[in-house]
Amino acid sequence: MVSTPRLVIAAPASNSGKTTVATGLMAAFAARGLAVSPHKVGPDYIDPGYHSLATGRPGRNLDAYMCGTDLIAPLFAHGSAGCDLAVVEGVMGLYDGASGQGELASTAQVAKLLRAPVVLVVDASSQSRSVAALVHGFASWDPEVRIGGVILNKVASDRHEALLRDALDESGLPVLGVLRRAPQVATPSRHLGLVPVAERQGDAVDAVRAMGERVLAGCDLEALMALARTAPALADEAWEPAYAPAEGPRPVVAVAGGAAFTFAYAEHAELLTAAGAEVVVFDPLRDEKLPAGTAGLVVGGGFPEMYAPELAANEPLRRAVTELALSGAPVAAECAGLLYLARELDGKPMCGVLDATARMSERLTLGYRQAVAVSDSPLAAAGTRMRGHEFHRTVLEPGAGPVPAWGMHQPERRVEGYVQRGVHASYLHTHWAASPEVARRFVEHCRAR
């Protein structure tokens, strides 16, 4: 049974203040000595970095499209075990989900799967009495979604607050917080959203502290905690990465990290470790060698386009990666990793493992994908079906090698990525918790070297 008190922080639309409120609540409750479990609906890697900074715990994603609805509560239970409170930040608007697939992957669906009360964050900057109609509509749209209260954001004055409160008195929903219109907390954005924590260091710490102070000053933490405690127990068993690996030495799997490669789901390292690997993180911006004894390499997503000159300048590491890949060692590369393995990125030399060039583009490629492995690789056997997500403003030419990685079935049919020797490289982000055999297969190939 999972009895962790929990709240889902949602909004009528994007840019209403969900991240400020959710991160601020995490920081404010953590400052009171509570163990707070941070979660994010959807595939986003960046917000969980701020959540982790606020709580001191791994930020975890709850994505019903990539992982399936049956895994949402078990993944939540895994992340929240032993915690006093869990805060789940929603995605987009409360009822927005995977395009053309109803409520799938929406904040509303995740709230229902977790049986968690929802706190609606409303941008009140351009309304007064109409806020009641807005809140009433969201609260009554789906009777299975329980909105337990409202936090008003961007409130202009005492009079504005009084008008909003009077209107909401008629809705029957309590106002659990009021945040005044103020200069934005310093959380700069760029082409794929907020700048990741790893790139901002001290500034990110200051931003999270400011969010916590703002929420502490404007929100009723006692009422919010009381609401969180109304969430009923869940009967789901916690997801576990447990697996009985073969006896023998643990192969070293090097995982790229640092400012250029910040996109990673916590469960991936847990699955690799459970499958028998020794996971060692390295920074391609700073380290000139791969970790000692590296038998396999994982290079996930991030922002290599922001660091192309620095990555190019680290010639010793680029040579080491190339030599490892050419030796046939298992290499799994997603998005940023795909670019790093290419011949060049925006004219700067990369590893040259793949005969392809990459460049920045004005076009954003974004959305969920259904994929099937086209051929055998250390990551997936031919015919393996997975769901994933694309999120990039770069273009790789050619987009697929002689042996592609994936055949895509949504939104259009195409092949994509590269499989050569032990390399599996693609733009597709995947969540291995949905297919733990991927991690096991990868580690078994590392062990066989």
Protein backbone atom coordinates (compact mmCIF):
# COMPACT_ATOMS: atom_id res chain seq x y z
CA MET A 1 0.00 0.00 0.00
CA VAL A 2 1.19 3.50 -0.90
CA SER A 3 0.00 6.10 1.60
CA THR A 4 2.33 9.02 0.85
CA PRO A 5 0.46 12.34 1.06
CA ARG A 6 0.49 13.90 -2.41
CA LEU A 7 -0.52 16.88 -4.51
CA VAL A 8 -0.68 17.42 -8.25
CA ILE A 9 0.09 20.99 -9.30
CA ALA A 10 -1.80 21.79 -12.51
CA ALA A 11 -2.97 24.81 -14.49
CA PRO A 12 -5.49 25.75 -17.17
CA ALA A 13 -2.65 26.34 -19.65
CA SER A 14 1.10 26.48 -20.03
CA ASN A 15 2.96 29.51 -18.64
CA SER A 16 0.54 29.90 -15.74
CA GLY A 17 3.22 29.41 -13.07
CA LYS A 18 3.19 25.63 -12.45
CA THR A 19 6.96 25.28 -12.27
CA THR A 20 7.36 28.21 -9.88
CA VAL A 21 4.62 26.92 -7.59
CA ALA A 22 5.60 23.24 -7.72
CA THR A 23 9.32 23.89 -7.23
CA GLY A 24 8.58 26.51 -4.59
CA LEU A 25 6.35 24.11 -2.65
CA MET A 26 9.02 21.42 -2.80
CA ALA A 27 11.63 23.85 -1.49
CA ALA A 28 9.37 25.31 1.20
CA PHE A 29 8.33 21.92 2.58
CA ALA A 30 11.88 20.58 2.37
CA ALA A 31 13.07 23.63 4.33
CA ARG A 32 10.68 22.55 7.09
CA GLY A 33 12.51 19.24 7.35
CA LEU A 34 10.11 17.12 5.32
CA ALA A 35 11.32 14.45 2.91
CA VAL A 36 9.68 15.60 -0.33
CA SER A 37 9.41 13.33 -3.36
CA PRO A 38 9.48 15.35 -6.63
CA HIS A 39 7.70 14.22 -9.80
CA LYS A 40 6.91 15.63 -13.23
CA VAL A 41 4.13 14.58 -15.59
CA GLY A 42 5.36 13.99 -19.14
CA PRO A 43 8.77 13.52 -20.77
CA ASP A 44 10.43 16.81 -19.76
CA TYR A 45 13.97 16.41 -18.39
CA ILE A 46 14.62 20.01 -17.36
CA ASP A 47 12.04 20.77 -14.65
CA PRO A 48 13.02 17.64 -12.66
CA GLY A 49 16.51 19.11 -12.32
CA TYR A 50 15.06 22.07 -10.43
CA HIS A 51 12.86 19.72 -8.43
CA SER A 52 15.90 17.69 -7.42
CA LEU A 53 17.72 20.83 -6.35
CA ALA A 54 14.72 21.83 -4.20
CA THR A 55 14.37 18.46 -2.47
CA GLY A 56 17.75 16.73 -2.58
CA ARG A 57 16.11 13.71 -4.21
CA PRO A 58 16.03 12.52 -7.85
CA GLY A 59 13.34 14.25 -9.90
CA ARG A 60 11.25 11.53 -11.52
CA ASN A 61 8.95 11.57 -14.54
CA LEU A 62 5.48 10.04 -14.75
CA ASP A 63 4.75 9.60 -18.46
CA ALA A 64 1.68 7.53 -19.24
CA TYR A 65 2.43 7.48 -22.97
CA MET A 66 5.99 6.17 -22.81
CA CYS A 67 5.58 3.96 -19.74
CA GLY A 68 1.91 3.01 -19.97
CA THR A 69 -0.84 3.76 -17.49
CA ASP A 70 -0.18 0.61 -15.45
CA LEU A 71 3.30 1.83 -14.46
CA ILE A 72 2.36 5.31 -13.23
CA ALA A 73 1.38 4.35 -9.68
CA PRO A 74 4.24 1.80 -9.29
CA LEU A 75 6.82 4.35 -10.50
CA PHE A 76 5.34 6.92 -8.14
CA ALA A 77 5.52 4.43 -5.27
CA HIS A 78 9.16 3.67 -6.11
CA GLY A 79 10.12 7.34 -6.06
CA SER A 80 8.09 8.37 -3.02
CA ALA A 81 8.99 5.48 -0.72
CA GLY A 82 9.81 6.77 2.75
CA CYS A 83 8.80 10.36 1.99
CA ASP A 84 6.53 12.65 3.98
CA LEU A 85 5.02 14.32 0.92
CA ALA A 86 5.04 14.02 -2.86
CA VAL A 87 4.55 16.98 -5.19
CA VAL A 88 3.74 16.24 -8.84
CA GLU A 89 4.12 19.05 -11.36
CA GLY A 90 1.74 18.75 -14.29
CA VAL A 91 2.34 19.34 -17.99
CA MET A 92 0.67 21.96 -20.24
CA GLY A 93 -2.99 22.48 -19.34
CA LEU A 94 -4.69 20.09 -16.92
CA TYR A 95 -6.55 18.15 -19.61
CA ASP A 96 -3.94 18.36 -22.40
CA GLY A 97 -2.36 15.05 -23.37
CA ALA A 98 -0.91 13.16 -26.30
CA SER A 99 -2.15 14.69 -29.55
CA GLY A 100 -5.34 13.06 -30.81
CA GLN A 101 -5.44 10.46 -28.01
CA GLY A 102 -7.89 11.90 -25.54
CA GLU A 103 -6.66 12.15 -21.97
CA LEU A 104 -3.63 9.88 -22.50
CA ALA A 105 -0.51 11.32 -20.79
CA SER A 106 -2.41 14.34 -19.46
CA THR A 107 -2.01 15.72 -15.96
CA ALA A 108 -5.65 14.84 -15.34
CA GLN A 109 -5.06 11.20 -16.20
CA VAL A 110 -2.00 10.97 -13.95
CA ALA A 111 -3.92 12.63 -11.09
CA LYS A 112 -6.64 10.01 -11.45
CA LEU A 113 -4.16 7.15 -11.58
CA LEU A 114 -2.56 8.48 -8.37
CA ARG A 115 -5.94 9.35 -6.80
CA ALA A 116 -4.32 12.65 -5.91
CA PRO A 117 -5.99 16.00 -5.24
CA VAL A 118 -5.19 18.73 -7.77
CA VAL A 119 -4.17 22.29 -6.95
CA LEU A 120 -5.01 24.57 -9.87
CA VAL A 121 -2.56 27.43 -10.49
CA VAL A 122 -4.41 30.26 -12.25
CA ASP A 123 -2.81 33.22 -13.98
CA ALA A 124 -5.18 35.90 -12.70
CA SER A 125 -3.40 38.84 -14.31
CA SER A 126 -6.19 39.78 -16.73
CA GLN A 127 -9.37 38.78 -14.93
CA SER A 128 -11.40 39.21 -11.79
CA ARG A 129 -14.88 37.60 -11.45
CA SER A 130 -14.31 35.48 -14.55
CA VAL A 131 -11.82 33.43 -12.56
CA ALA A 132 -14.76 31.66 -10.91
CA ALA A 133 -16.17 30.54 -14.25
CA LEU A 134 -12.75 29.32 -15.33
CA VAL A 135 -12.20 27.33 -12.16
CA HIS A 136 -15.75 25.97 -12.19
CA GLY A 137 -15.26 24.72 -15.74
CA PHE A 138 -12.04 22.91 -14.93
CA ALA A 139 -13.44 21.45 -11.70
CA SER A 140 -16.60 20.11 -13.34
CA TRP A 141 -15.17 18.89 -16.67
CA ASP A 142 -14.20 15.45 -15.37
CA PRO A 143 -15.91 14.33 -12.13
CA GLU A 144 -13.05 11.88 -11.46
CA VAL A 145 -10.53 14.73 -11.23
CA ARG A 146 -10.65 16.22 -7.73
CA ILE A 147 -9.54 19.86 -7.67
CA GLY A 148 -8.96 20.62 -4.03
CA GLY A 149 -8.06 24.28 -4.23
CA VAL A 150 -6.64 27.18 -6.20
CA ILE A 151 -3.42 29.18 -6.09
CA LEU A 152 -3.78 32.58 -7.72
CA ASN A 153 -0.72 33.82 -9.58
CA LYS A 154 0.22 37.29 -10.85
CA VAL A 155 -2.26 39.10 -8.59
CA ALA A 156 -1.86 42.87 -8.96
CA SER A 157 -3.01 44.36 -5.65
CA ASP A 158 -5.01 43.90 -2.45
CA ARG A 159 -8.15 45.00 -4.26
CA HIS A 160 -7.50 42.59 -7.12
CA GLU A 161 -7.03 39.78 -4.59
CA ALA A 162 -10.30 40.70 -2.82
CA LEU A 163 -12.22 40.59 -6.11
CA LEU A 164 -10.76 37.20 -6.98
CA ARG A 165 -11.48 35.75 -3.55
CA ASP A 166 -15.08 37.04 -3.59
CA ALA A 167 -15.64 35.40 -6.96
CA LEU A 168 -14.13 32.11 -5.89
CA ASP A 169 -16.22 32.02 -2.72
CA GLU A 170 -19.12 31.10 -5.01
CA SER A 171 -17.17 28.19 -6.52
CA GLY A 172 -16.76 26.35 -3.24
CA LEU A 173 -13.04 25.85 -3.81
CA PRO A 174 -10.62 27.32 -1.27
CA VAL A 175 -7.87 29.75 -2.22
CA LEU A 176 -4.71 28.05 -0.96
CA GLY A 177 -2.30 30.74 -2.01
CA VAL A 178 -1.87 34.13 -3.66
CA LEU A 179 1.31 35.13 -5.46
CA ARG A 180 1.62 38.79 -6.35
CA ARG A 181 2.68 40.03 -9.73
CA ALA A 182 6.45 40.35 -9.47
CA PRO A 183 9.57 40.15 -11.58
CA GLN A 184 10.14 36.61 -12.73
CA VAL A 185 12.44 34.48 -10.61
CA ALA A 186 15.67 34.17 -12.59
CA THR A 187 15.00 30.98 -14.56
CA PRO A 188 16.22 31.83 -18.07
CA SER A 189 14.89 29.93 -21.07
CA ARG A 190 16.10 29.15 -24.56
CA HIS A 191 15.07 27.05 -27.57
CA LEU A 192 14.01 23.92 -25.63
CA GLY A 193 12.73 25.49 -22.39
CA LEU A 194 14.45 26.39 -19.13
CA VAL A 195 18.23 26.33 -18.96
CA PRO A 196 19.14 23.12 -17.07
CA VAL A 197 20.37 23.26 -13.50
CA ALA A 198 23.76 21.78 -14.42
CA GLU A 199 24.49 24.79 -16.61
CA ARG A 200 23.57 27.41 -13.99
CA GLN A 201 24.99 26.00 -10.76
CA GLY A 202 24.90 28.79 -8.13
CA ASP A 203 22.29 30.78 -10.06
CA ALA A 204 19.97 27.76 -10.07
CA VAL A 205 20.36 27.39 -6.31
CA ASP A 206 19.41 31.04 -5.88
CA ALA A 207 16.41 30.66 -8.20
CA VAL A 208 15.06 27.65 -6.30
CA ARG A 209 15.56 29.43 -3.00
CA ALA A 210 13.64 32.44 -4.34
CA MET A 211 10.78 30.21 -5.51
CA GLY A 212 10.59 28.63 -2.08
CA GLU A 213 10.54 32.00 -0.32
CA ARG A 214 7.85 33.33 -2.65
CA VAL A 215 5.62 30.30 -2.11
CA LEU A 216 6.22 30.33 1.65
CA ALA A 217 5.12 33.97 1.81
CA GLY A 218 2.03 33.52 -0.35
CA CYS A 219 0.69 30.01 0.24
CA ASP A 220 -1.00 28.24 3.15
CA LEU A 221 1.35 25.31 3.64
CA GLU A 222 -0.73 23.82 6.47
CA ALA A 223 -3.84 23.76 4.28
CA LEU A 224 -1.89 22.32 1.37
CA MET A 225 -0.45 19.56 3.57
CA ALA A 226 -3.90 18.80 4.93
CA LEU A 227 -5.19 18.49 1.37
CA ALA A 228 -2.29 16.19 0.45
CA ARG A 229 -3.21 13.91 3.35
CA THR A 230 -6.69 13.37 1.91
CA ALA A 231 -5.24 11.25 -0.91
CA PRO A 232 -6.33 7.65 -0.28
CA ALA A 233 -3.89 4.76 -0.15
CA LEU A 234 -2.89 3.11 -3.41
CA ALA A 235 -2.85 -0.68 -3.61
CA ASP A 236 -0.09 -0.74 -6.26
CA GLU A 237 3.26 -2.33 -5.52
CA ALA A 238 6.32 -0.17 -6.09
CA TRP A 239 8.23 -0.61 -9.33
CA GLU A 240 11.62 -2.17 -8.76
CA PRO A 241 14.63 -2.38 -11.09
CA ALA A 242 15.62 -5.66 -9.43
CA TYR A 243 17.15 -8.28 -11.72
CA ALA A 244 19.43 -11.25 -11.10
CA PRO A 245 22.49 -10.59 -13.30
CA ALA A 246 24.98 -13.26 -14.26
CA GLU A 247 27.75 -13.85 -11.77
CA GLY A 248 31.13 -12.39 -12.46
CA PRO A 249 32.74 -8.97 -12.79
CA ARG A 250 30.52 -5.95 -13.20
CA PRO A 251 31.20 -4.29 -16.57
CA VAL A 252 31.77 -0.55 -16.44
CA VAL A 253 29.11 1.44 -18.30
CA ALA A 254 30.22 5.03 -18.82
CA VAL A 255 27.32 7.52 -18.81
CA ALA A 256 27.84 11.01 -20.21
CA GLY A 257 26.90 13.85 -17.88
CA GLY A 258 27.91 17.42 -17.22
CA ALA A 259 26.42 20.57 -18.67
CA ALA A 260 26.19 19.31 -22.26
CA PHE A 261 24.39 16.04 -21.46
CA THR A 262 21.81 16.70 -18.77
CA PHE A 263 18.83 14.67 -20.04
CA ALA A 264 18.49 11.38 -18.16
CA TYR A 265 15.77 9.47 -16.37
CA ALA A 266 16.87 8.26 -12.93
CA GLU A 267 15.50 4.80 -13.62
CA HIS A 268 17.99 4.18 -16.45
CA ALA A 269 21.02 4.15 -14.15
CA GLU A 270 19.06 2.10 -11.63
CA LEU A 271 18.22 -0.49 -14.29
CA LEU A 272 21.80 -0.68 -15.54
CA THR A 273 23.03 -1.18 -11.99
CA ALA A 274 20.39 -3.83 -11.28
CA ALA A 275 21.42 -5.65 -14.48
CA GLY A 276 24.96 -5.95 -13.13
CA ALA A 277 26.77 -2.88 -14.46
CA GLU A 278 29.01 -0.47 -12.62
CA VAL A 279 27.67 2.91 -13.75
CA VAL A 280 30.29 5.67 -13.90
CA VAL A 281 29.35 9.21 -14.93
CA PHE A 282 31.87 11.31 -16.88
CA ASP A 283 31.80 14.82 -18.36
CA PRO A 284 32.70 15.14 -22.07
CA LEU A 285 33.43 18.82 -21.53
CA ARG A 286 36.11 18.17 -18.92
CA ASP A 287 37.30 14.56 -18.92
CA GLU A 288 39.93 13.63 -21.49
CA LYS A 289 39.55 9.89 -20.90
CA LEU A 290 36.67 7.48 -20.57
CA PRO A 291 36.35 5.85 -17.14
CA ALA A 292 38.86 3.06 -16.58
CA GLY A 293 37.69 -0.27 -17.91
CA THR A 294 34.76 1.15 -19.91
CA ALA A 295 32.92 -1.73 -21.62
CA GLY A 296 29.90 0.23 -22.81
CA LEU A 297 28.85 3.83 -23.31
CA VAL A 298 25.55 5.67 -22.85
CA VAL A 299 25.30 9.22 -24.20
CA GLY A 300 21.87 10.67 -23.57
CA GLY A 301 20.20 13.96 -24.40
CA GLY A 302 21.12 17.53 -23.63
CA PHE A 303 22.47 20.63 -25.33
CA PRO A 304 25.65 19.78 -27.26
CA GLU A 305 24.80 22.59 -29.72
CA MET A 306 25.49 25.07 -26.90
CA TYR A 307 28.90 23.53 -26.27
CA ALA A 308 30.04 22.45 -29.73
CA PRO A 309 33.35 24.39 -29.58
CA GLU A 310 34.22 22.95 -26.16
CA LEU A 311 33.26 19.41 -27.17
CA ALA A 312 35.28 19.77 -30.34
CA ALA A 313 38.28 21.04 -28.39
CA ASN A 314 38.36 17.90 -26.24
CA GLU A 315 40.15 15.86 -28.89
CA PRO A 316 41.50 13.16 -26.56
CA LEU A 317 38.01 12.18 -25.41
CA ARG A 318 36.59 12.30 -28.93
CA ARG A 319 39.33 9.89 -30.01
CA ALA A 320 38.61 7.61 -27.06
CA VAL A 321 34.89 7.50 -27.90
CA THR A 322 35.64 6.78 -31.55
CA GLU A 323 38.05 3.99 -30.68
CA LEU A 324 35.53 2.43 -28.29
CA ALA A 325 32.76 2.55 -30.90
CA LEU A 326 34.99 1.16 -33.66
CA SER A 327 35.98 -1.72 -31.38
CA GLY A 328 32.38 -2.90 -31.41
CA ALA A 329 31.61 -1.96 -27.81
CA PRO A 330 27.93 -1.33 -27.00
CA VAL A 331 27.08 2.36 -27.40
CA ALA A 332 23.59 3.78 -26.82
CA ALA A 333 23.11 7.37 -27.96
CA GLU A 334 19.93 9.45 -27.76
CA CYS A 335 19.45 12.84 -29.41
CA ALA A 336 22.43 14.83 -28.08
CA GLY A 337 24.40 11.60 -28.08
CA LEU A 338 23.51 11.10 -31.73
CA LEU A 339 24.91 14.54 -32.55
CA TYR A 340 28.07 13.90 -30.54
CA LEU A 341 28.75 10.73 -32.54
CA ALA A 342 28.27 12.54 -35.88
CA ARG A 343 31.10 13.84 -38.04
CA GLU A 344 30.39 17.47 -37.16
CA LEU A 345 27.89 19.73 -35.41
CA ASP A 346 27.41 23.26 -36.73
CA GLY A 347 30.77 22.97 -38.50
CA LYS A 348 32.64 21.79 -35.38
CA PRO A 349 34.24 18.34 -35.43
CA MET A 350 32.59 15.70 -33.26
CA CYS A 351 33.52 12.03 -32.83
CA GLY A 352 33.02 10.98 -36.45
CA VAL A 353 31.58 7.60 -35.53
CA LEU A 354 28.60 8.25 -37.82
CA ASP A 355 28.97 9.50 -41.38
CA ALA A 356 26.55 12.37 -40.83
CA THR A 357 26.54 16.10 -40.11
CA ALA A 358 24.27 18.02 -37.76
CA ARG A 359 23.20 21.65 -37.63
CA MET A 360 20.83 23.88 -35.73
CA SER A 361 17.46 24.54 -37.37
CA GLU A 362 14.58 26.99 -36.91
CA ARG A 363 12.15 24.08 -36.85
CA LEU A 364 11.19 22.41 -33.57
CA THR A 365 10.64 18.67 -33.81
CA LEU A 366 8.43 17.69 -30.90
CA GLY A 367 6.07 14.86 -30.09
CA TYR A 368 5.45 11.32 -29.00
CA ARG A 369 6.45 8.49 -31.32
CA GLN A 370 5.71 4.80 -31.79
CA ALA A 371 8.78 2.90 -32.94
CA VAL A 372 9.99 -0.58 -33.77
CA ALA A 373 13.64 -1.67 -33.86
CA VAL A 374 14.60 -2.25 -37.48
CA SER A 375 17.56 -4.51 -36.75
CA ASP A 376 19.42 -6.19 -33.91
CA SER A 377 21.66 -4.02 -31.75
CA PRO A 378 23.07 -4.23 -28.22
CA LEU A 379 20.15 -2.04 -27.14
CA ALA A 380 17.20 -3.80 -28.75
CA ALA A 381 16.43 -6.94 -30.73
CA ALA A 382 14.85 -6.48 -34.15
CA GLY A 383 11.12 -6.15 -33.80
CA THR A 384 11.24 -4.59 -30.30
CA ARG A 385 8.43 -2.07 -29.99
CA MET A 386 8.88 1.02 -27.86
CA ARG A 387 7.23 4.36 -27.36
CA GLY A 388 9.34 7.47 -27.16
CA HIS A 389 9.57 11.21 -27.58
CA GLU A 390 11.40 13.56 -29.93
CA PHE A 391 12.43 17.06 -28.82
CA HIS A 392 15.08 18.94 -30.79
CA ARG A 393 15.87 21.91 -33.02
CA THR A 394 18.68 20.23 -34.90
CA VAL A 395 18.76 18.39 -38.21
CA LEU A 396 20.97 15.40 -38.96
CA GLU A 397 21.89 14.66 -42.57
CA PRO A 398 21.33 11.92 -43.51
CA GLY A 399 18.72 11.19 -40.87
CA ALA A 400 19.13 7.44 -41.18
CA GLY A 401 22.11 5.22 -41.86
CA PRO A 402 22.39 2.16 -44.11
CA VAL A 403 20.98 0.20 -41.16
CA PRO A 404 18.45 2.45 -39.37
CA ALA A 405 17.75 2.23 -35.65
CA TRP A 406 13.98 2.65 -35.64
CA GLY A 407 11.01 2.43 -37.93
CA MET A 408 8.54 5.13 -36.87
CA HIS A 409 4.80 4.61 -37.04
CA GLN A 410 3.56 7.93 -35.67
CA PRO A 411 2.90 10.60 -36.82
CA GLU A 412 4.28 9.39 -40.18
CA ARG A 413 6.04 6.27 -41.40
CA ARG A 414 9.81 6.65 -41.75
CA VAL A 415 13.10 5.14 -40.67
CA GLU A 416 15.50 6.98 -38.41
CA GLY A 417 18.85 6.66 -36.66
CA TYR A 418 21.90 4.44 -37.03
CA VAL A 419 22.93 0.91 -36.09
CA GLN A 420 26.54 -0.01 -36.87
CA ARG A 421 28.87 -2.37 -35.03
CA GLY A 422 27.75 -1.97 -31.41
CA VAL A 423 26.26 1.51 -31.85
CA HIS A 424 22.57 2.31 -31.56
CA ALA A 425 22.08 6.06 -32.16
CA SER A 426 18.80 7.91 -32.63
CA TYR A 427 16.90 11.11 -31.92
CA LEU A 428 14.30 9.08 -30.01
CA HIS A 429 14.18 9.49 -26.22
CA THR A 430 12.88 6.37 -24.51
CA HIS A 431 12.02 5.44 -20.93
CA TRP A 432 13.60 2.09 -20.10
CA ALA A 433 11.32 1.41 -17.12
CA ALA A 434 8.69 0.43 -19.68
CA SER A 435 11.10 -2.07 -21.29
CA PRO A 436 13.66 -3.16 -18.69
CA GLU A 437 14.94 -5.84 -21.06
CA VAL A 438 16.67 -3.01 -22.94
CA ALA A 439 19.02 -2.34 -20.01
CA ARG A 440 19.55 -6.05 -19.40
CA ARG A 441 20.42 -6.68 -23.05
CA PHE A 442 22.83 -3.74 -23.09
CA VAL A 443 24.67 -4.93 -19.98
CA GLU A 444 24.83 -8.51 -21.25
CA HIS A 445 26.52 -7.24 -24.43
CA CYS A 446 28.97 -5.24 -22.27
CA ARG A 447 29.73 -8.33 -20.18
CA ALA A 448 30.34 -10.43 -23.29
CA ARG A 449 33.24 -8.24 -24.44
